[in-house]
Protein backbone atom coordinates (compact mmCIF):
# COMPACT_ATOMS: atom_id res chain seq x y z
CA MET A 1 37.08 123.33 -237.45
CA LYS A 2 38.79 124.83 -234.44
CA ILE A 3 42.56 124.78 -234.15
CA PHE A 4 42.84 124.69 -230.33
CA GLY A 5 40.68 123.23 -227.59
CA PRO A 6 38.62 120.06 -227.32
CA ASN A 7 37.43 118.48 -230.61
CA SER A 8 39.88 120.49 -232.67
CA LEU A 9 42.70 120.07 -235.14
CA SER A 10 45.15 119.78 -232.24
CA THR A 11 43.23 116.70 -231.02
CA PHE A 12 43.64 115.12 -234.46
CA PHE A 13 47.39 115.82 -234.48
CA TYR A 14 47.71 114.51 -230.92
CA TYR A 15 46.32 111.13 -231.99
CA ILE A 16 48.37 111.06 -235.21
CA PHE A 17 51.71 111.82 -233.51
CA ARG A 18 51.00 109.54 -230.53
CA SER A 19 50.13 106.71 -232.95
CA ILE A 20 53.33 107.25 -234.92
CA SER A 21 55.41 107.17 -231.72
CA ILE A 22 53.71 103.94 -230.63
CA VAL A 23 54.24 102.32 -234.04
CA LEU A 24 57.92 103.31 -233.99
CA LEU A 25 58.29 101.93 -230.46
CA VAL A 26 56.69 98.63 -231.47
CA PHE A 27 58.92 98.48 -234.55
CA LEU A 28 62.06 99.19 -232.51
CA THR A 29 61.07 96.54 -229.97
CA TYR A 30 60.40 94.00 -232.71
CA MET A 31 63.68 94.79 -234.45
CA GLU A 32 65.75 94.51 -231.27
CA PHE A 33 63.96 91.30 -230.30
CA ALA A 34 64.63 89.87 -233.77
CA PHE A 35 68.33 90.69 -233.52
CA ILE A 36 68.60 89.20 -230.04
CA THR A 37 66.76 85.98 -230.97
CA ASP A 38 68.26 85.61 -234.48
CA LYS A 39 64.92 85.94 -236.30
CA PHE A 40 66.54 87.20 -239.50
CA THR A 41 68.63 85.86 -242.32
CA VAL A 42 72.12 86.88 -243.38
CA LYS A 43 73.17 86.66 -247.02
CA ASP A 44 76.34 88.18 -248.48
CA GLY A 45 77.02 90.17 -245.30
CA ARG A 46 73.55 91.77 -245.31
CA PHE A 47 70.69 91.05 -242.96
CA ASP A 48 67.11 90.57 -244.11
CA MET A 49 64.40 90.87 -241.48
CA LYS A 50 60.77 90.17 -242.37
CA ILE A 51 58.23 92.63 -240.94
CA PRO A 52 55.01 90.87 -239.94
CA LEU A 53 51.57 92.13 -241.03
CA ILE A 54 52.84 94.26 -243.92
CA GLY A 55 54.81 91.65 -245.85
CA SER A 56 57.87 93.84 -246.24
CA SER A 57 61.39 93.48 -244.93
CA ILE A 58 64.32 95.51 -243.67
CA GLN A 59 67.70 94.96 -245.24
CA GLY A 60 71.08 96.36 -244.41
CA ASP A 61 74.71 95.58 -243.84
CA TYR A 62 75.05 93.15 -240.96
CA GLN A 63 77.41 95.32 -238.95
CA PHE A 64 77.07 96.60 -235.43
CA SER A 65 77.42 100.21 -236.64
CA ASP A 66 74.43 99.92 -238.99
CA ILE A 67 72.22 98.26 -236.40
CA LEU A 68 73.21 100.85 -233.78
CA THR A 69 72.50 103.69 -236.23
CA ILE A 70 69.04 102.36 -237.03
CA SER A 71 68.28 101.94 -233.32
CA LEU A 72 69.47 105.44 -232.40
CA ILE A 73 67.47 107.06 -235.20
CA LEU A 74 64.35 105.15 -234.17
CA ILE A 75 64.79 106.21 -230.53
CA PHE A 76 65.19 109.83 -231.65
CA GLY A 77 62.04 109.52 -233.79
CA ILE A 78 60.07 108.01 -230.91
CA LEU A 79 61.07 110.86 -228.61
CA LEU A 80 60.33 113.49 -231.28
CA PHE A 81 56.84 112.23 -232.07
CA TYR A 82 56.04 111.60 -228.40
CA LEU A 83 56.97 115.17 -227.49
CA LEU A 84 54.98 116.53 -230.44
CA SER A 85 51.97 114.50 -229.32
CA ASN A 86 52.34 115.90 -225.79
CA ILE A 87 52.43 119.43 -227.19
CA PHE A 88 49.25 118.87 -229.16
CA LYS A 89 47.69 117.20 -226.13
CA ALA A 90 48.33 120.38 -224.16
CA LEU A 91 46.79 122.40 -227.02
CA LYS A 92 43.59 120.33 -226.69
CA GLU A 93 42.91 121.93 -223.32
CA THR A 94 40.56 124.88 -223.01
CA ILE A 95 43.45 127.03 -221.73
CA ILE A 96 46.33 126.67 -224.18
CA PHE A 97 48.88 128.62 -222.12
CA ASN A 98 49.69 125.99 -219.51
CA LYS A 99 52.71 124.45 -217.81
CA GLY A 100 52.48 121.26 -219.85
CA ILE A 101 53.06 122.91 -223.19
CA VAL A 102 55.94 125.02 -221.86
CA LYS A 103 57.63 121.93 -220.40
CA ASN A 104 57.20 119.89 -223.58
CA LEU A 105 58.38 122.74 -225.80
CA LYS A 106 61.53 123.05 -223.66
CA LEU A 107 62.15 119.32 -224.04
CA LEU A 108 61.56 119.56 -227.81
CA THR A 109 64.05 122.43 -227.98
CA ILE A 110 66.67 120.40 -226.10
CA LEU A 111 66.00 117.39 -228.30
CA ASN A 112 66.51 119.38 -231.51
CA LEU A 113 69.27 121.81 -230.49
CA VAL A 114 71.38 119.54 -228.27
CA ILE A 115 70.60 115.84 -228.61
CA GLY A 116 69.96 115.92 -232.38
CA PRO A 117 73.30 117.49 -233.37
CA ILE A 118 75.20 115.30 -230.90
CA LEU A 119 73.47 112.24 -232.35
CA TYR A 120 74.24 113.43 -235.89
CA PHE A 121 77.96 113.74 -235.16
CA LEU A 122 78.06 110.48 -233.18
CA ILE A 123 76.45 108.56 -236.02
CA HIS A 124 78.56 110.13 -238.77
CA TYR A 125 82.02 110.02 -237.23
CA PRO A 126 82.59 107.51 -234.40
CA ILE A 127 79.90 105.02 -235.44
CA MET A 128 79.78 105.06 -239.26
CA HIS A 129 83.28 106.54 -239.83
CA LYS A 130 82.08 108.94 -242.54
CA THR A 131 84.31 111.81 -243.58
CA GLU A 132 81.99 113.82 -245.81
CA PHE A 133 79.05 116.07 -244.96
CA ARG A 134 76.52 114.52 -247.34
CA ASN A 135 73.51 114.70 -245.04
CA ILE A 136 74.25 118.12 -243.57
CA HIS A 137 70.72 119.22 -244.54
CA ASN A 138 69.36 116.94 -241.80
CA LEU A 139 71.45 118.73 -239.20
CA ILE A 140 70.40 122.12 -240.56
CA LEU A 141 66.73 121.09 -240.40
CA LEU A 142 67.17 119.94 -236.80
CA ILE A 143 68.68 123.27 -235.83
CA ILE A 144 65.95 125.23 -237.64
CA PHE A 145 63.25 123.14 -235.99
CA GLY A 146 64.99 123.62 -232.63
CA MET A 147 65.13 127.39 -233.09
CA ILE A 148 61.43 127.51 -233.95
CA SER A 149 60.60 125.48 -230.85
CA LEU A 150 62.85 127.78 -228.79
CA PHE A 151 60.87 130.82 -229.95
CA LEU A 152 57.57 129.02 -229.36
CA THR A 153 58.74 128.10 -225.86
CA TYR A 154 59.41 131.75 -225.12
CA VAL A 155 56.01 132.81 -226.52
CA PHE A 156 54.09 130.17 -224.58
CA LYS A 157 56.08 130.87 -221.39
CA ASN A 158 55.16 134.56 -221.61
CA GLY A 159 51.56 133.64 -222.45
CA TYR A 160 51.42 131.36 -219.42
CA THR A 161 52.77 134.17 -217.21
CA VAL A 162 50.17 136.63 -218.52
CA GLN A 163 47.43 134.01 -218.17
CA SER A 164 48.44 133.29 -214.56
CA GLU A 165 48.50 136.98 -213.69
CA ASN A 166 45.12 137.45 -215.36
CA ASP A 167 43.62 134.57 -213.36
CA LEU A 168 44.94 136.08 -210.11
CA THR A 169 43.40 139.52 -210.73
CA ILE A 170 39.85 138.19 -210.97
């Protein structure tokens, strides 16, 4: 099986990541709608929200900080998987060095190197009032993933430049 181009592995990953982003968006919409319309139960200071179709439920402390944290993490996840799907969509093309992939890699870099760490510190300190660095590995993974996407952005930007120059010489 090919890795790039039409009918390739990148097409498979495009559909997987786009599906995940859509499922997360539907879940976030359902969750926010349920909180707005009081379609959940509260027992002992914890909310219990039934998830239709899968027979499961979400439970957590019924505090604004917890609900805001869940919402922010879901929004970050939606953006992450949507950008990844756009990158693999650009890799489905016959010419893989194109403007679309460079733009989406730049956005992925910003998401992981700027927005992710800001979100991490916002959730841990002002929102959840935590004082320890228990989940520091998540921040480190974001930064590593951001650095990899930064290098890939540079590689694909240079590849796009060479490809454009090559197309002009013919």
